[in-house]
PDB file of N, CA and C in Angstrom:
ATOM      1  N   UNK A   1      23.144  -2.051   5.320  1.00  0.00           N
ATOM      2  CA  UNK A   1      24.901  -3.415   5.298  1.00  0.00           C
ATOM      3  C   UNK A   1      25.269  -3.833   6.905  1.00  0.00           C
ATOM      4  N   UNK A   2      24.368  -2.671   7.583  1.00  0.00           N
ATOM      5  CA  UNK A   2      24.974  -3.595   9.557  1.00  0.00           C
ATOM      6  C   UNK A   2      25.997  -3.152  10.054  1.00  0.00           C
ATOM      7  N   UNK A   3      26.649  -2.424   9.367  1.00  0.00           N
ATOM      8  CA  UNK A   3      27.837  -1.811   9.815  1.00  0.00           C
ATOM      9  C   UNK A   3      27.725  -0.541  11.175  1.00  0.00           C
ATOM     10  N   UNK A   4      28.834  -0.991  12.219  1.00  0.00           N
ATOM     11  CA  UNK A   4      29.183   0.666  12.388  1.00  0.00           C
ATOM     12  C   UNK A   4      29.985   1.293  12.552  1.00  0.00           C
ATOM     13  N   UNK A   5      30.583   2.451  12.516  1.00  0.00           N
ATOM     14  CA  UNK A   5      32.051   2.725  13.219  1.00  0.00           C
ATOM     15  C   UNK A   5      31.908   3.129  13.649  1.00  0.00           C
ATOM     16  N   UNK A   6      34.083   2.266  14.317  1.00  0.00           N
ATOM     17  CA  UNK A   6      34.728   2.863  15.542  1.00  0.00           C
ATOM     18  C   UNK A   6      35.433   3.177  15.200  1.00  0.00           C
ATOM     19  N   UNK A   7      36.009   4.386  15.379  1.00  0.00           N
ATOM     20  CA  UNK A   7      37.117   5.143  15.206  1.00  0.00           C
ATOM     21  C   UNK A   7      38.560   5.309  15.518  1.00  0.00           C
ATOM     22  N   UNK A   8      38.681   3.840  16.271  1.00  0.00           N
ATOM     23  CA  UNK A   8      39.356   3.510  16.720  1.00  0.00           C
ATOM     24  C   UNK A   8      40.276   2.326  15.870  1.00  0.00           C
ATOM     25  N   UNK A   9      39.690   1.101  15.397  1.00  0.00           N
ATOM     26  CA  UNK A   9      40.121   0.364  15.164  1.00  0.00           C
ATOM     27  C   UNK A   9      39.605   0.184  13.542  1.00  0.00           C
ATOM     28  N   UNK A  10      38.578   1.279  13.106  1.00  0.00           N
ATOM     29  CA  UNK A  10      37.769   1.100  11.852  1.00  0.00           C
ATOM     30  C   UNK A  10      36.604   0.813  11.651  1.00  0.00           C
ATOM     31  N   UNK A  11      35.533  -0.130  11.098  1.00  0.00           N
ATOM     32  CA  UNK A  11      33.858   0.188  10.070  1.00  0.00           C
ATOM     33  C   UNK A  11      34.080  -1.761  10.622  1.00  0.00           C
ATOM     34  N   UNK A  12      33.230  -1.611  12.023  1.00  0.00           N
ATOM     35  CA  UNK A  12      32.966  -3.441  12.800  1.00  0.00           C
ATOM     36  C   UNK A  12      31.755  -4.307  11.748  1.00  0.00           C
ATOM     37  N   UNK A  13      33.012  -4.674  11.709  1.00  0.00           N
ATOM     38  CA  UNK A  13      31.989  -6.342  10.873  1.00  0.00           C
ATOM     39  C   UNK A  13      31.963  -7.357  11.512  1.00  0.00           C
ATOM     40  N   UNK A  14      30.745  -8.944  11.699  1.00  0.00           N
ATOM     41  CA  UNK A  14      31.507  -9.833  11.823  1.00  0.00           C
ATOM     42  C   UNK A  14      30.678 -11.044  11.614  1.00  0.00           C
ATOM     43  N   UNK A  15      31.373 -12.248  11.706  1.00  0.00           N
ATOM     44  CA  UNK A  15      32.382 -13.231  10.278  1.00  0.00           C
ATOM     45  C   UNK A  15      32.182 -14.436  11.181  1.00  0.00           C
ATOM     46  N   UNK A  16      31.756 -15.701  10.793  1.00  0.00           N
ATOM     47  CA  UNK A  16      31.779 -16.945  11.654  1.00  0.00           C
ATOM     48  C   UNK A  16      33.575 -17.251  11.257  1.00  0.00           C
ATOM     49  N   UNK A  17      34.216 -17.283  10.620  1.00  0.00           N
ATOM     50  CA  UNK A  17      35.434 -18.113  10.481  1.00  0.00           C
ATOM     51  C   UNK A  17      36.982 -17.146   9.311  1.00  0.00           C
ATOM     52  N   UNK A  18      37.421 -17.602   9.430  1.00  0.00           N
ATOM     53  CA  UNK A  18      38.066 -17.654   8.959  1.00  0.00           C
ATOM     54  C   UNK A  18      38.987 -18.050   7.845  1.00  0.00           C
ATOM     55  N   UNK A  19      40.003 -17.401   6.909  1.00  0.00           N
ATOM     56  CA  UNK A  19      40.922 -19.448   5.378  1.00  0.00           C
ATOM     57  C   UNK A  19      41.946 -18.490   5.938  1.00  0.00           C
ATOM     58  N   UNK A  20      43.116 -19.194   5.132  1.00  0.00           N
ATOM     59  CA  UNK A  20      44.036 -18.712   4.574  1.00  0.00           C
ATOM     60  C   UNK A  20      45.025 -19.322   6.680  1.00  0.00           C
ATOM     61  N   UNK A  21      46.728 -18.929   5.511  1.00  0.00           N
ATOM     62  CA  UNK A  21      47.376 -19.144   7.107  1.00  0.00           C
ATOM     63  C   UNK A  21      48.188 -18.519   6.973  1.00  0.00           C
ATOM     64  N   UNK A  22      48.811 -17.747   5.429  1.00  0.00           N
ATOM     65  CA  UNK A  22      49.830 -15.879   5.305  1.00  0.00           C
ATOM     66  C   UNK A  22      48.458 -14.936   5.892  1.00  0.00           C
ATOM     67  N   UNK A  23      49.443 -13.921   6.695  1.00  0.00           N
ATOM     68  CA  UNK A  23      48.631 -12.895   7.423  1.00  0.00           C
ATOM     69  C   UNK A  23      48.116 -11.960   6.359  1.00  0.00           C
ATOM     70  N   UNK A  24      47.434 -10.628   6.142  1.00  0.00           N
ATOM     71  CA  UNK A  24      46.367 -11.204   7.524  1.00  0.00           C
ATOM     72  C   UNK A  24      46.002 -12.164   7.087  1.00  0.00           C
ATOM     73  N   UNK A  25      45.286 -12.879   8.007  1.00  0.00           N
ATOM     74  CA  UNK A  25      44.194 -13.500   7.361  1.00  0.00           C
ATOM     75  C   UNK A  25      42.815 -12.913   7.607  1.00  0.00           C
ATOM     76  N   UNK A  26      41.888 -13.869   6.280  1.00  0.00           N
ATOM     77  CA  UNK A  26      40.418 -13.518   5.667  1.00  0.00           C
ATOM     78  C   UNK A  26      39.655 -13.855   7.019  1.00  0.00           C
ATOM     79  N   UNK A  27      38.843 -13.362   6.259  1.00  0.00           N
ATOM     80  CA  UNK A  27      37.465 -13.186   7.777  1.00  0.00           C
ATOM     81  C   UNK A  27      36.592 -13.292   6.084  1.00  0.00           C
ATOM     82  N   UNK A  28      35.375 -14.553   6.821  1.00  0.00           N
ATOM     83  CA  UNK A  28      35.000 -15.220   5.440  1.00  0.00           C
ATOM     84  C   UNK A  28      33.277 -15.690   6.439  1.00  0.00           C
ATOM     85  N   UNK A  29      32.309 -15.555   5.972  1.00  0.00           N
ATOM     86  CA  UNK A  29      30.860 -15.706   6.207  1.00  0.00           C
ATOM     87  C   UNK A  29      30.454 -14.916   6.683  1.00  0.00           C
ATOM     88  N   UNK A  30      30.717 -13.172   6.477  1.00  0.00           N
ATOM     89  CA  UNK A  30      29.760 -12.766   7.096  1.00  0.00           C
ATOM     90  C   UNK A  30      28.515 -12.514   7.977  1.00  0.00           C
ATOM     91  N   UNK A  31      28.178 -12.241   8.803  1.00  0.00           N
ATOM     92  CA  UNK A  31      26.745 -12.283   9.598  1.00  0.00           C
ATOM     93  C   UNK A  31      26.696 -11.159   9.317  1.00  0.00           C
ATOM     94  N   UNK A  32      25.334 -11.238   9.913  1.00  0.00           N
ATOM     95  CA  UNK A  32      24.696  -9.126  10.277  1.00  0.00           C
ATOM     96  C   UNK A  32      24.792  -8.959  12.232  1.00  0.00           C
ATOM     97  N   UNK A  33      24.772  -8.137  12.257  1.00  0.00           N
ATOM     98  CA  UNK A  33      24.849  -8.300  14.141  1.00  0.00           C
ATOM     99  C   UNK A  33      24.088  -8.481  15.285  1.00  0.00           C
ATOM    100  N   UNK A  34      22.290  -8.670  14.677  1.00  0.00           N
ATOM    101  CA  UNK A  34      21.140  -9.321  15.243  1.00  0.00           C
ATOM    102  C   UNK A  34      22.599 -11.283  14.673  1.00  0.00           C
ATOM    103  N   UNK A  35      22.805 -11.127  14.267  1.00  0.00           N
ATOM    104  CA  UNK A  35      23.337 -12.546  13.785  1.00  0.00           C
ATOM    105  C   UNK A  35      23.912 -13.405  14.849  1.00  0.00           C
ATOM    106  N   UNK A  36      24.883 -12.594  15.603  1.00  0.00           N
ATOM    107  CA  UNK A  36      25.173 -12.818  16.806  1.00  0.00           C
ATOM    108  C   UNK A  36      25.766 -13.017  17.763  1.00  0.00           C
ATOM    109  N   UNK A  37      23.898 -12.447  17.948  1.00  0.00           N
ATOM    110  CA  UNK A  37      23.382 -12.569  19.454  1.00  0.00           C
ATOM    111  C   UNK A  37      23.776 -13.965  20.539  1.00  0.00           C
ATOM    112  N   UNK A  38      23.202 -14.842  19.502  1.00  0.00           N
ATOM    113  CA  UNK A  38      23.109 -16.390  19.801  1.00  0.00           C
ATOM    114  C   UNK A  38      24.165 -16.657  19.909  1.00  0.00           C
ATOM    115  N   UNK A  39      25.665 -16.659  19.257  1.00  0.00           N
ATOM    116  CA  UNK A  39      26.056 -17.741  18.697  1.00  0.00           C
ATOM    117  C   UNK A  39      28.035 -17.712  20.051  1.00  0.00           C
ATOM    118  N   UNK A  40      28.118 -19.142  20.200  1.00  0.00           N
ATOM    119  CA  UNK A  40      29.340 -18.911  21.251  1.00  0.00           C
ATOM    120  C   UNK A  40      30.223 -18.578  20.626  1.00  0.00           C
ATOM    121  N   UNK A  41      30.846 -18.883  19.603  1.00  0.00           N
ATOM    122  CA  UNK A  41      32.255 -18.298  19.020  1.00  0.00           C
ATOM    123  C   UNK A  41      32.213 -17.438  17.593  1.00  0.00           C
ATOM    124  N   UNK A  42      32.515 -16.581  17.260  1.00  0.00           N
ATOM    125  CA  UNK A  42      32.444 -15.242  16.014  1.00  0.00           C
ATOM    126  C   UNK A  42      33.887 -14.210  16.315  1.00  0.00           C
ATOM    127  N   UNK A  43      34.023 -13.823  15.392  1.00  0.00           N
ATOM    128  CA  UNK A  43      35.142 -13.406  15.081  1.00  0.00           C
ATOM    129  C   UNK A  43      34.254 -11.639  15.037  1.00  0.00           C
ATOM    130  N   UNK A  44      35.241 -10.700  15.393  1.00  0.00           N
ATOM    131  CA  UNK A  44      34.227  -8.972  14.942  1.00  0.00           C
ATOM    132  C   UNK A  44      35.684  -8.746  15.233  1.00  0.00           C
ATOM    133  N   UNK A  45      35.702  -7.887  13.692  1.00  0.00           N
ATOM    134  CA  UNK A  45      36.934  -7.447  11.821  1.00  0.00           C
ATOM    135  C   UNK A  45      36.304  -6.078  12.336  1.00  0.00           C
ATOM    136  N   UNK A  46      37.090  -5.659  11.989  1.00  0.00           N
ATOM    137  CA  UNK A  46      37.423  -3.692  11.738  1.00  0.00           C
ATOM    138  C   UNK A  46      38.225  -3.966  10.666  1.00  0.00           C
ATOM    139  N   UNK A  47      38.137  -2.884   9.609  1.00  0.00           N
ATOM    140  CA  UNK A  47      38.101  -2.282   8.430  1.00  0.00           C
ATOM    141  C   UNK A  47      38.628  -1.549   8.337  1.00  0.00           C
ATOM    142  N   UNK A  48      39.577  -0.425   7.355  1.00  0.00           N
ATOM    143  CA  UNK A  48      40.019   0.632   7.219  1.00  0.00           C
ATOM    144  C   UNK A  48      39.273   1.567   6.313  1.00  0.00           C
ATOM    145  N   UNK A  49      39.206   3.060   5.825  1.00  0.00           N
ATOM    146  CA  UNK A  49      38.426   3.289   4.614  1.00  0.00           C
ATOM    147  C   UNK A  49      39.059   3.036   3.200  1.00  0.00           C
ATOM    148  N   UNK A  50      39.891   1.223   3.389  1.00  0.00           N
ATOM    149  CA  UNK A  50      40.391   0.469   1.839  1.00  0.00           C
ATOM    150  C   UNK A  50      39.490  -0.861   1.871  1.00  0.00           C
ATOM    151  N   UNK A  51      38.606  -1.202   2.766  1.00  0.00           N
ATOM    152  CA  UNK A  51      38.732  -2.823   3.569  1.00  0.00           C
ATOM    153  C   UNK A  51      39.023  -3.677   3.422  1.00  0.00           C
ATOM    154  N   UNK A  52      40.101  -2.856   3.967  1.00  0.00           N
ATOM    155  CA  UNK A  52      41.699  -3.780   4.981  1.00  0.00           C
ATOM    156  C   UNK A  52      41.316  -4.558   5.812  1.00  0.00           C
ATOM    157  N   UNK A  53      41.991  -5.294   6.288  1.00  0.00           N
ATOM    158  CA  UNK A  53      41.457  -5.521   8.279  1.00  0.00           C
ATOM    159  C   UNK A  53      42.731  -4.860   8.780  1.00  0.00           C
ATOM    160  N   UNK A  54      42.280  -4.280   9.394  1.00  0.00           N
ATOM    161  CA  UNK A  54      42.839  -3.841  10.840  1.00  0.00           C
ATOM    162  C   UNK A  54      43.027  -4.682  11.566  1.00  0.00           C
ATOM    163  N   UNK A  55      42.642  -5.020  12.697  1.00  0.00           N
ATOM    164  CA  UNK A  55      42.197  -5.851  13.770  1.00  0.00           C
ATOM    165  C   UNK A  55      40.874  -6.473  13.826  1.00  0.00           C
ATOM    166  N   UNK A  56      40.940  -7.115  14.753  1.00  0.00           N
ATOM    167  CA  UNK A  56      40.049  -8.734  14.481  1.00  0.00           C
ATOM    168  C   UNK A  56      39.854  -9.314  15.593  1.00  0.00           C
ATOM    169  N   UNK A  57      38.949  -9.360  16.431  1.00  0.00           N
ATOM    170  CA  UNK A  57      38.842 -10.114  18.070  1.00  0.00           C
ATOM    171  C   UNK A  57      38.553 -11.580  17.512  1.00  0.00           C
ATOM    172  N   UNK A  58      38.430 -13.196  18.262  1.00  0.00           N
ATOM    173  CA  UNK A  58      38.038 -14.562  17.969  1.00  0.00           C
ATOM    174  C   UNK A  58      37.546 -14.199  19.632  1.00  0.00           C
ATOM    175  N   UNK A  59      35.835 -14.592  19.400  1.00  0.00           N
ATOM    176  CA  UNK A  59      35.750 -13.854  20.902  1.00  0.00           C
ATOM    177  C   UNK A  59      35.102 -15.829  21.079  1.00  0.00           C
ATOM    178  N   UNK A  60      34.703 -16.046  22.279  1.00  0.00           N
ATOM    179  CA  UNK A  60      34.458 -17.691  22.653  1.00  0.00           C
ATOM    180  C   UNK A  60      33.558 -17.160  23.958  1.00  0.00           C
ATOM    181  N   UNK A  61      32.107 -17.493  23.963  1.00  0.00           N
ATOM    182  CA  UNK A  61      31.205 -17.322  25.260  1.00  0.00           C
ATOM    183  C   UNK A  61      31.622 -15.679  26.543  1.00  0.00           C
ATOM    184  N   UNK A  62      31.779 -15.209  24.670  1.00  0.00           N
ATOM    185  CA  UNK A  62      31.786 -13.488  25.216  1.00  0.00           C
ATOM    186  C   UNK A  62      33.003 -13.330  25.832  1.00  0.00           C
ATOM    187  N   UNK A  63      34.684 -14.521  25.675  1.00  0.00           N
ATOM    188  CA  UNK A  63      35.441 -13.720  25.972  1.00  0.00           C
ATOM    189  C   UNK A  63      36.613 -13.775  25.044  1.00  0.00           C
ATOM    190  N   UNK A  64      37.347 -12.711  24.739  1.00  0.00           N
ATOM    191  CA  UNK A  64      37.969 -12.632  23.490  1.00  0.00           C
ATOM    192  C   UNK A  64      38.775 -12.947  24.055  1.00  0.00           C
ATOM    193  N   UNK A  65      39.111 -14.159  22.952  1.00  0.00           N
ATOM    194  CA  UNK A  65      40.159 -15.561  22.825  1.00  0.00           C
ATOM    195  C   UNK A  65      41.616 -14.954  21.961  1.00  0.00           C
ATOM    196  N   UNK A  66      41.631 -14.325  21.520  1.00  0.00           N
ATOM    197  CA  UNK A  66      42.713 -14.180  20.793  1.00  0.00           C
ATOM    198  C   UNK A  66      42.549 -12.797  19.787  1.00  0.00           C
ATOM    199  N   UNK A  67      43.376 -12.424  19.146  1.00  0.00           N
ATOM    200  CA  UNK A  67      43.006 -10.673  18.853  1.00  0.00           C
ATOM    201  C   UNK A  67      44.172 -10.193  17.531  1.00  0.00           C
ATOM    202  N   UNK A  68      44.284  -9.888  16.215  1.00  0.00           N
ATOM    203  CA  UNK A  68      44.929  -9.663  15.425  1.00  0.00           C
ATOM    204  C   UNK A  68      45.409  -7.827  15.291  1.00  0.00           C
ATOM    205  N   UNK A  69      45.580  -7.101  15.583  1.00  0.00           N
ATOM    206  CA  UNK A  69      46.314  -5.827  14.705  1.00  0.00           C
ATOM    207  C   UNK A  69      46.983  -5.897  13.606  1.00  0.00           C
ATOM    208  N   UNK A  70      46.757  -5.140  12.853  1.00  0.00           N
ATOM    209  CA  UNK A  70      47.393  -5.037  11.914  1.00  0.00           C
ATOM    210  C   UNK A  70      47.404  -3.771  11.147  1.00  0.00           C
ATOM    211  N   UNK A  71      48.799  -3.298  10.517  1.00  0.00           N
ATOM    212  CA  UNK A  71      49.336  -1.792   9.650  1.00  0.00           C
ATOM    213  C   UNK A  71      50.259  -2.635   8.163  1.00  0.00           C
ATOM    214  N   UNK A  72      49.590  -1.969   6.647  1.00  0.00           N
ATOM    215  CA  UNK A  72      50.861  -2.295   6.391  1.00  0.00           C
ATOM    216  C   UNK A  72      51.501  -0.613   5.167  1.00  0.00           C
ATOM    217  N   UNK A  73      51.323  -1.628   4.538  1.00  0.00           N
ATOM    218  CA  UNK A  73      53.170  -0.526   3.499  1.00  0.00           C
ATOM    219  C   UNK A  73      51.851   0.641   2.700  1.00  0.00           C
ATOM    220  N   UNK A  74      52.506   1.179   2.365  1.00  0.00           N
ATOM    221  CA  UNK A  74      52.175   2.286   1.537  1.00  0.00           C
ATOM    222  C   UNK A  74      51.510   1.287   0.245  1.00  0.00           C
ATOM    223  N   UNK A  75      51.766   0.056  -0.505  1.00  0.00           N
ATOM    224  CA  UNK A  75      51.804  -0.639  -1.304  1.00  0.00           C
ATOM    225  C   UNK A  75      50.750  -0.877  -1.429  1.00  0.00           C
ATOM    226  N   UNK A  76      49.810  -1.409   0.060  1.00  0.00           N
ATOM    227  CA  UNK A  76      49.141  -2.673   0.353  1.00  0.00           C
ATOM    228  C   UNK A  76      49.332  -3.615   1.393  1.00  0.00           C
ATOM    229  N   UNK A  77      50.667  -3.630   0.858  1.00  0.00           N
ATOM    230  CA  UNK A  77      50.795  -5.233   1.651  1.00  0.00           C
ATOM    231  C   UNK A  77      51.424  -4.647   2.704  1.00  0.00           C
ATOM    232  N   UNK A  78      51.182  -6.251   4.150  1.00  0.00           N
ATOM    233  CA  UNK A  78      51.397  -6.118   5.483  1.00  0.00           C
ATOM    234  C   UNK A  78      52.567  -5.704   5.541  1.00  0.00           C
ATOM    235  N   UNK A  79      53.194  -4.799   7.244  1.00  0.00           N
ATOM    236  CA  UNK A  79      53.770  -3.714   7.589  1.00  0.00           C
ATOM    237  C   UNK A  79      54.175  -4.398   8.903  1.00  0.00           C
ATOM    238  N   UNK A  80      53.152  -4.796   9.687  1.00  0.00           N
ATOM    239  CA  UNK A  80      53.581  -5.299  10.726  1.00  0.00           C
ATOM    240  C   UNK A  80      51.644  -6.220  11.426  1.00  0.00           C
ATOM    241  N   UNK A  81      52.007  -7.174  12.227  1.00  0.00           N
ATOM    242  CA  UNK A  81      51.206  -7.603  12.726  1.00  0.00           C
ATOM    243  C   UNK A  81      50.910  -8.117  14.340  1.00  0.00           C
ATOM    244  N   UNK A  82      50.518  -7.885  15.356  1.00  0.00           N
ATOM    245  CA  UNK A  82      50.684  -7.691  16.688  1.00  0.00           C
ATOM    246  C   UNK A  82      49.703  -9.057  17.045  1.00  0.00           C
ATOM    247  N   UNK A  83      49.587  -9.717  17.545  1.00  0.00           N
ATOM    248  CA  UNK A  83      48.982 -11.045  18.016  1.00  0.00           C
ATOM    249  C   UNK A  83      48.963 -11.292  19.040  1.00  0.00           C
ATOM    250  N   UNK A  84      47.782 -10.887  20.372  1.00  0.00           N
ATOM    251  CA  UNK A  84      47.425 -10.990  20.916  1.00  0.00           C
ATOM    252  C   UNK A  84      46.571 -12.377  21.678  1.00  0.00           C
ATOM    253  N   UNK A  85      47.153 -13.115  22.338  1.00  0.00           N
ATOM    254  CA  UNK A  85      46.635 -14.733  22.903  1.00  0.00           C
ATOM    255  C   UNK A  85      45.478 -14.140  23.709  1.00  0.00           C
ATOM    256  N   UNK A  86      45.014 -15.628  24.666  1.00  0.00           N
ATOM    257  CA  UNK A  86      44.344 -15.446  25.370  1.00  0.00           C
ATOM    258  C   UNK A  86      44.694 -14.241  26.750  1.00  0.00           C
ATOM    259  N   UNK A  87      46.058 -15.733  26.684  1.00  0.00           N
ATOM    260  CA  UNK A  87      46.614 -14.800  28.182  1.00  0.00           C
ATOM    261  C   UNK A  87      47.479 -13.970  28.061  1.00  0.00           C
ATOM    262  N   UNK A  88      47.485 -12.683  26.622  1.00  0.00           N
ATOM    263  CA  UNK A  88      47.572 -11.848  27.064  1.00  0.00           C
ATOM    264  C   UNK A  88      49.247 -11.732  26.206  1.00  0.00           C
ATOM    265  N   UNK A  89      50.017 -13.216  26.072  1.00  0.00           N
ATOM    266  CA  UNK A  89      50.824 -12.897  25.170  1.00  0.00           C
ATOM    267  C   UNK A  89      50.900 -12.430  24.323  1.00  0.00           C
ATOM    268  N   UNK A  90      51.572 -11.248  23.492  1.00  0.00           N
ATOM    269  CA  UNK A  90      52.092  -9.778  22.655  1.00  0.00           C
ATOM    270  C   UNK A  90      53.006 -10.671  22.038  1.00  0.00           C
ATOM    271  N   UNK A  91      52.491 -11.380  20.282  1.00  0.00           N
ATOM    272  CA  UNK A  91      53.802 -11.584  19.772  1.00  0.00           C
ATOM    273  C   UNK A  91      53.759 -11.026  18.644  1.00  0.00           C
ATOM    274  N   UNK A  92      54.773  -9.997  18.342  1.00  0.00           N
ATOM    275  CA  UNK A  92      54.853  -8.684  16.921  1.00  0.00           C
ATOM    276  C   UNK A  92      55.397  -9.489  15.705  1.00  0.00           C
ATOM    277  N   UNK A  93      54.939  -9.799  14.400  1.00  0.00           N
ATOM    278  CA  UNK A  93      55.535  -9.546  13.264  1.00  0.00           C
ATOM    279  C   UNK A  93      55.902  -8.814  12.261  1.00  0.00           C
ATOM    280  N   UNK A  94      56.924  -8.801  11.760  1.00  0.00           N
ATOM    281  CA  UNK A  94      57.414  -7.635  10.476  1.00  0.00           C
ATOM    282  C   UNK A  94      57.279  -7.858   9.136  1.00  0.00           C
ATOM    283  N   UNK A  95      57.074  -6.957   8.547  1.00  0.00           N
ATOM    284  CA  UNK A  95      57.321  -8.157   7.492  1.00  0.00           C
ATOM    285  C   UNK A  95      57.767  -6.870   6.436  1.00  0.00           C
ATOM    286  N   UNK A  96      58.554  -7.462   5.430  1.00  0.00           N
ATOM    287  CA  UNK A  96      59.271  -6.148   4.250  1.00  0.00           C
ATOM    288  C   UNK A  96      58.234  -5.223   2.775  1.00  0.00           C
ATOM    289  N   UNK A  97      58.443  -4.673   2.820  1.00  0.00           N
ATOM    290  CA  UNK A  97      57.443  -4.355   1.724  1.00  0.00           C
ATOM    291  C   UNK A  97      56.902  -4.770   0.376  1.00  0.00           C
ATOM    292  N   UNK A  98      57.265  -5.474   0.010  1.00  0.00           N
ATOM    293  CA  UNK A  98      56.933  -7.524  -0.799  1.00  0.00           C
ATOM    294  C   UNK A  98      56.339  -7.901   0.066  1.00  0.00           C
ATOM    295  N   UNK A  99      56.088  -7.951   1.621  1.00  0.00           N
ATOM    296  CA  UNK A  99      55.060  -8.793   2.474  1.00  0.00           C
ATOM    297  C   UNK A  99      56.317 -10.391   2.468  1.00  0.00           C
ATOM    298  N   UNK A 100      57.211 -10.296   2.522  1.00  0.00           N
ATOM    299  CA  UNK A 100      58.383 -11.275   3.260  1.00  0.00           C
ATOM    300  C   UNK A 100      58.560 -11.567   4.738  1.00  0.00           C
ATOM    301  N   UNK A 101      58.660 -11.514   5.582  1.00  0.00           N
ATOM    302  CA  UNK A 101      59.178 -11.877   6.906  1.00  0.00           C
ATOM    303  C   UNK A 101      60.130 -11.531   7.302  1.00  0.00           C
ATOM    304  N   UNK A 102      60.656 -10.328   8.070  1.00  0.00           N
ATOM    305  CA  UNK A 102      61.881  -9.753   8.406  1.00  0.00           C
ATOM    306  C   UNK A 102      62.178 -10.688  10.320  1.00  0.00           C
TER     307      UNK A 102
END
């Protein structure tokens, strides 16, 4: 399948873009590792053993423009999202066990 393991962040996969406005975002249009070599922009997503997105980087021209890191409640709902923008500014969002922002 062309995936590699990264112990810190999970299993690495590549994508063209994302969909949705609620967190966690959903990465779509998966790419094989060799397909990102000539792309100017793509998403580098990391997934845990339950195939949940734990982290992603949006890369543009070799630079990380955006990073999201997610943690989850035991019930699978998002617990927290740490969002780092291109300037290194970090925003932390917390969610209840029902998935509502707190």
